[in-house]
């Protein structure tokens, strides 16, 4: 089972979207943004999708390039069979990565997809991250229709929590090994998660992010093994129910990052 702190960590694309909206606006110094997105990774590299593309070569370059004026940004967390909102030119890469960032500036619209290479050991893990940036069609008009507003996200999260509880209870998840049960219980606490998000982030957006991250962590723990399922049918039923919970949580997290016009 993954470490609980890893399960609750925000995806890199979520952090990059949040900071991309703030750098240059007087509330997010560039280096702080870079440190927040990179975390314990090696310095992130940035490349264009094609050999002829001209793109910054480092994460500070990319953020500085985006900070040259007004910008709108959002993170998307697609999964196989669920690519809502992802521009077609980066759809396959974004699904493989499980995430991407969309940004619109005066120069146009762009998508950035991270490729993560792990190295080291379980005791000293490391990550090499390369963001591939490419121009895409203007994504702003379709975003709210596919991902929804913050209000939509909060409603979906409430329903998802009910669905998750019912799925786990009906399939006798109480028979899991003790460490998984303890971990799930701890996800309900109100402890500060220590996320490196920009200061001054709207409380509603942060609340949705926290709720979505907790639901995604519960899904990850619940699907780690067969748990209390006693046959393949039960395992499949649980997997289907929790997949819908994860979908709602992913879309809610995307809605909480989106800054496209006035907040919902």
Protein backbone atom coordinates (compact mmCIF):
# COMPACT_ATOMS: atom_id res chain seq x y z
CA UNK A 1 0.00 0.00 0.00
CA UNK A 2 1.27 3.50 -0.89
CA UNK A 3 2.27 5.86 1.88
CA UNK A 4 -0.73 7.91 2.97
CA UNK A 5 1.10 11.19 2.38
CA UNK A 6 1.76 10.10 -1.21
CA UNK A 7 -1.90 9.27 -1.74
CA UNK A 8 -2.92 12.70 -0.48
CA UNK A 9 -0.31 14.64 -2.47
CA UNK A 10 -1.64 16.99 -5.12
CA UNK A 11 -0.80 16.03 -8.71
CA UNK A 12 1.95 18.11 -10.27
CA UNK A 13 -0.48 19.48 -12.85
CA UNK A 14 -2.81 20.75 -10.14
CA UNK A 15 0.03 22.60 -8.45
CA UNK A 16 1.30 23.99 -11.75
CA UNK A 17 -2.17 25.25 -12.72
CA UNK A 18 -2.67 26.94 -9.34
CA UNK A 19 0.72 28.63 -9.43
CA UNK A 20 0.51 29.56 -13.11
CA UNK A 21 -2.49 31.68 -12.24
CA UNK A 22 -0.58 33.55 -9.51
CA UNK A 23 2.98 34.11 -10.69
CA UNK A 24 3.41 37.67 -11.82
CA UNK A 25 0.20 38.78 -10.12
CA UNK A 26 1.97 40.03 -7.01
CA UNK A 27 1.22 37.04 -4.78
CA UNK A 28 3.43 34.23 -6.03
CA UNK A 29 7.16 34.76 -6.51
CA UNK A 30 8.57 32.68 -9.33
CA UNK A 31 11.02 30.65 -7.25
CA UNK A 32 8.36 29.76 -4.70
CA UNK A 33 6.15 28.50 -7.53
CA UNK A 34 8.98 26.41 -8.97
CA UNK A 35 9.79 24.90 -5.56
CA UNK A 36 6.12 24.10 -4.95
CA UNK A 37 5.65 22.28 -8.26
CA UNK A 38 8.99 20.45 -8.24
CA UNK A 39 8.90 19.38 -4.60
CA UNK A 40 11.50 16.65 -4.11
CA UNK A 41 11.82 15.99 -7.85
CA UNK A 42 14.92 16.71 -9.83
CA UNK A 43 14.63 20.08 -11.67
CA UNK A 44 11.84 19.78 -14.22
CA UNK A 45 12.67 19.98 -17.90
CA UNK A 46 10.39 21.46 -20.56
CA UNK A 47 10.28 20.60 -24.23
CA UNK A 48 8.12 21.16 -27.28
CA UNK A 49 6.08 18.40 -28.87
CA UNK A 50 8.00 18.59 -32.15
CA UNK A 51 11.59 19.24 -33.04
CA UNK A 52 10.63 22.55 -34.66
CA UNK A 53 8.73 23.80 -31.61
CA UNK A 54 10.28 26.63 -29.66
CA UNK A 55 9.66 26.06 -25.96
CA UNK A 56 11.38 27.04 -22.71
CA UNK A 57 13.81 24.43 -21.43
CA UNK A 58 13.17 24.69 -17.69
CA UNK A 59 10.17 25.07 -15.40
CA UNK A 60 11.20 28.61 -14.32
CA UNK A 61 11.37 29.56 -18.01
CA UNK A 62 7.91 28.13 -18.63
CA UNK A 63 6.32 29.92 -15.67
CA UNK A 64 8.05 33.16 -16.53
CA UNK A 65 6.83 32.86 -20.12
CA UNK A 66 3.25 32.35 -18.95
CA UNK A 67 3.49 35.21 -16.45
CA UNK A 68 3.84 37.87 -19.12
CA UNK A 69 0.23 39.04 -18.82
CA UNK A 70 -3.32 37.91 -18.14
CA UNK A 71 -3.73 34.15 -18.22
CA UNK A 72 -6.26 31.45 -17.49
CA UNK A 73 -5.36 27.94 -16.44
CA UNK A 74 -6.80 24.60 -15.38
CA UNK A 75 -5.54 21.11 -14.60
CA UNK A 76 -7.23 18.03 -16.02
CA UNK A 77 -6.90 14.50 -14.66
CA UNK A 78 -8.09 12.20 -17.44
CA UNK A 79 -8.38 8.43 -17.26
CA UNK A 80 -9.02 5.76 -19.91
CA UNK A 81 -12.57 6.31 -21.14
CA UNK A 82 -12.81 9.73 -19.51
CA UNK A 83 -10.99 12.45 -21.43
CA UNK A 84 -13.58 15.20 -20.99
CA UNK A 85 -12.09 18.60 -21.64
CA UNK A 86 -8.72 17.35 -22.87
CA UNK A 87 -7.74 18.81 -26.27
CA UNK A 88 -7.45 16.12 -28.92
CA UNK A 89 -3.78 16.84 -29.79
CA UNK A 90 -2.66 15.81 -26.27
CA UNK A 91 -5.40 13.32 -25.42
CA UNK A 92 -3.31 10.14 -25.63
CA UNK A 93 -0.34 11.60 -23.78
CA UNK A 94 -2.55 13.11 -21.07
CA UNK A 95 -4.33 9.81 -20.44
CA UNK A 96 -1.00 8.01 -20.18
CA UNK A 97 0.24 10.62 -17.71
CA UNK A 98 -3.10 10.87 -15.90
CA UNK A 99 -2.86 14.65 -15.92
CA UNK A 100 -2.18 17.78 -17.92
CA UNK A 101 -2.30 21.57 -17.60
CA UNK A 102 -4.18 23.92 -19.92
CA UNK A 103 -3.13 27.56 -20.11
CA UNK A 104 -4.44 30.46 -22.17
CA UNK A 105 -2.32 33.60 -22.55
CA UNK A 106 -2.26 36.53 -24.96
CA UNK A 107 -0.03 34.38 -27.18
CA UNK A 108 -2.56 31.55 -27.43
CA UNK A 109 -3.65 28.32 -25.77
CA UNK A 110 -1.27 25.59 -24.65
CA UNK A 111 -1.30 22.18 -23.02
CA UNK A 112 1.54 20.84 -20.87
CA UNK A 113 1.78 17.12 -20.14
CA UNK A 114 4.29 15.69 -17.66
CA UNK A 115 6.28 12.52 -18.25
CA UNK A 116 7.64 11.11 -14.98
CA UNK A 117 10.59 8.73 -14.78
CA UNK A 118 11.25 7.11 -11.43
CA UNK A 119 14.75 6.23 -10.25
CA UNK A 120 16.49 5.25 -7.04
CA UNK A 121 15.05 2.83 -4.49
CA UNK A 122 11.98 2.55 -2.27
CA UNK A 123 14.11 4.09 0.47
CA UNK A 124 15.46 6.95 -1.63
CA UNK A 125 13.07 7.44 -4.56
CA UNK A 126 13.64 10.10 -7.17
CA UNK A 127 11.71 11.48 -10.13
CA UNK A 128 12.77 13.00 -13.42
CA UNK A 129 9.95 15.10 -14.88
CA UNK A 130 9.72 16.51 -18.39
CA UNK A 131 6.80 18.70 -19.44
CA UNK A 132 5.89 18.57 -23.12
CA UNK A 133 4.20 21.81 -24.16
CA UNK A 134 2.28 22.24 -27.37
CA UNK A 135 -0.25 24.71 -28.78
CA UNK A 136 -3.89 23.57 -28.73
CA UNK A 137 -7.23 25.08 -29.76
CA UNK A 138 -8.82 27.51 -27.33
CA UNK A 139 -10.19 25.25 -24.58
CA UNK A 140 -11.96 27.82 -22.39
CA UNK A 141 -15.47 27.73 -23.83
CA UNK A 142 -15.85 23.99 -23.41
CA UNK A 143 -14.24 23.63 -19.98
CA UNK A 144 -17.19 24.48 -17.75
CA UNK A 145 -19.49 22.33 -19.88
CA UNK A 146 -17.29 19.28 -19.39
CA UNK A 147 -15.79 19.74 -15.93
CA UNK A 148 -18.43 21.91 -14.27
CA UNK A 149 -18.31 24.75 -11.76
CA UNK A 150 -17.17 24.68 -8.16
CA UNK A 151 -20.80 24.47 -7.07
CA UNK A 152 -21.30 21.47 -9.36
CA UNK A 153 -18.13 19.92 -7.93
CA UNK A 154 -19.26 20.27 -4.33
CA UNK A 155 -22.61 18.63 -5.10
CA UNK A 156 -20.91 15.80 -6.99
CA UNK A 157 -18.48 15.23 -4.13
CA UNK A 158 -21.31 14.91 -1.61
CA UNK A 159 -23.01 12.30 -3.78
CA UNK A 160 -19.69 10.53 -4.39
CA UNK A 161 -19.04 10.29 -0.66
CA UNK A 162 -22.44 8.66 -0.16
CA UNK A 163 -21.73 6.25 -3.02
CA UNK A 164 -18.31 5.39 -1.65
CA UNK A 165 -19.68 4.72 1.83
CA UNK A 166 -22.49 2.54 0.50
CA UNK A 167 -20.13 0.61 -1.79
CA UNK A 168 -17.62 -0.11 0.96
CA UNK A 169 -20.26 -1.01 3.54
CA UNK A 170 -22.28 -3.29 1.26
CA UNK A 171 -19.18 -5.14 0.14
CA UNK A 172 -17.94 -5.74 3.70
CA UNK A 173 -14.80 -3.66 3.46
CA UNK A 174 -14.58 -3.85 7.25
CA UNK A 175 -12.82 -7.17 6.65
CA UNK A 176 -9.79 -5.38 5.19
CA UNK A 177 -6.45 -5.64 6.87
CA UNK A 178 -6.21 -3.26 9.87
CA UNK A 179 -3.66 -0.85 8.39
CA UNK A 180 -5.95 0.00 5.47
CA UNK A 181 -8.90 0.59 7.80
CA UNK A 182 -6.80 2.88 10.01
CA UNK A 183 -5.54 4.80 6.98
CA UNK A 184 -9.06 5.38 5.66
CA UNK A 185 -10.23 6.57 9.07
CA UNK A 186 -7.34 9.05 9.25
CA UNK A 187 -8.39 10.59 5.94
CA UNK A 188 -11.45 12.02 7.69
CA UNK A 189 -9.37 14.21 9.99
CA UNK A 190 -9.12 17.96 9.55
CA UNK A 191 -5.34 18.03 9.92
CA UNK A 192 -3.41 20.49 7.77
CA UNK A 193 -2.19 18.63 4.70
CA UNK A 194 0.78 20.94 4.22
CA UNK A 195 0.20 21.40 0.51
CA UNK A 196 2.47 23.98 -1.19
CA UNK A 197 -0.41 25.94 -2.68
CA UNK A 198 -0.33 29.71 -3.26
CA UNK A 199 -1.19 31.89 -0.30
CA UNK A 200 -4.60 33.48 -0.47
CA UNK A 201 -6.21 30.69 -2.47
CA UNK A 202 -9.99 30.91 -2.17
CA UNK A 203 -11.31 28.85 0.75
CA UNK A 204 -13.99 27.20 -1.35
CA UNK A 205 -11.49 26.03 -3.96
CA UNK A 206 -9.22 24.65 -1.24
CA UNK A 207 -12.12 22.86 0.45
CA UNK A 208 -13.05 21.14 -2.81
CA UNK A 209 -9.43 20.16 -3.43
CA UNK A 210 -9.14 18.61 0.04
CA UNK A 211 -12.41 16.68 -0.29
CA UNK A 212 -11.49 15.43 -3.76
CA UNK A 213 -8.00 14.36 -2.66
CA UNK A 214 -9.42 12.43 0.29
CA UNK A 215 -11.92 10.63 -1.92
CA UNK A 216 -9.21 9.72 -4.42
CA UNK A 217 -7.06 8.37 -1.60
CA UNK A 218 -9.95 6.27 -0.29
CA UNK A 219 -10.50 4.87 -3.78
CA UNK A 220 -6.80 4.03 -4.09
CA UNK A 221 -6.86 2.20 -0.75
CA UNK A 222 -10.14 0.45 -1.53
CA UNK A 223 -8.91 -0.88 -4.85
CA UNK A 224 -5.47 -1.96 -3.67
CA UNK A 225 -6.66 -5.55 -3.28
CA UNK A 226 -9.86 -7.61 -3.17
CA UNK A 227 -10.51 -6.56 0.43
CA UNK A 228 -13.83 -7.88 1.68
CA UNK A 229 -15.06 -9.01 -1.71
CA UNK A 230 -15.67 -12.73 -1.54
CA UNK A 231 -16.14 -13.39 -5.26
CA UNK A 232 -15.37 -11.84 -8.64
CA UNK A 233 -18.86 -10.35 -8.96
CA UNK A 234 -18.48 -8.43 -5.72
CA UNK A 235 -15.01 -7.28 -6.71
CA UNK A 236 -16.36 -6.03 -10.04
CA UNK A 237 -19.31 -4.26 -8.40
CA UNK A 238 -17.02 -2.51 -5.96
CA UNK A 239 -14.61 -1.54 -8.70
CA UNK A 240 -17.43 -0.04 -10.80
CA UNK A 241 -18.83 1.97 -7.89
CA UNK A 242 -15.45 3.30 -6.82
CA UNK A 243 -14.48 4.14 -10.39
CA UNK A 244 -17.45 6.52 -10.52
CA UNK A 245 -16.37 8.00 -7.17
CA UNK A 246 -12.88 8.58 -8.54
CA UNK A 247 -14.32 10.19 -11.66
CA UNK A 248 -16.30 12.67 -9.56
CA UNK A 249 -13.24 13.40 -7.42
CA UNK A 250 -10.99 13.95 -10.45
CA UNK A 251 -13.46 16.34 -12.05
CA UNK A 252 -13.95 18.20 -8.79
CA UNK A 253 -10.20 18.65 -8.45
CA UNK A 254 -10.11 20.01 -11.99
CA UNK A 255 -12.96 22.44 -11.27
CA UNK A 256 -11.11 23.68 -8.19
CA UNK A 257 -8.04 24.53 -10.29
CA UNK A 258 -9.89 26.18 -13.15
CA UNK A 259 -9.61 29.94 -13.39
CA UNK A 260 -11.60 30.90 -16.45
CA UNK A 261 -13.38 34.19 -16.03
CA UNK A 262 -15.24 34.83 -12.71
CA UNK A 263 -15.18 32.08 -10.10
CA UNK A 264 -18.39 30.01 -9.96
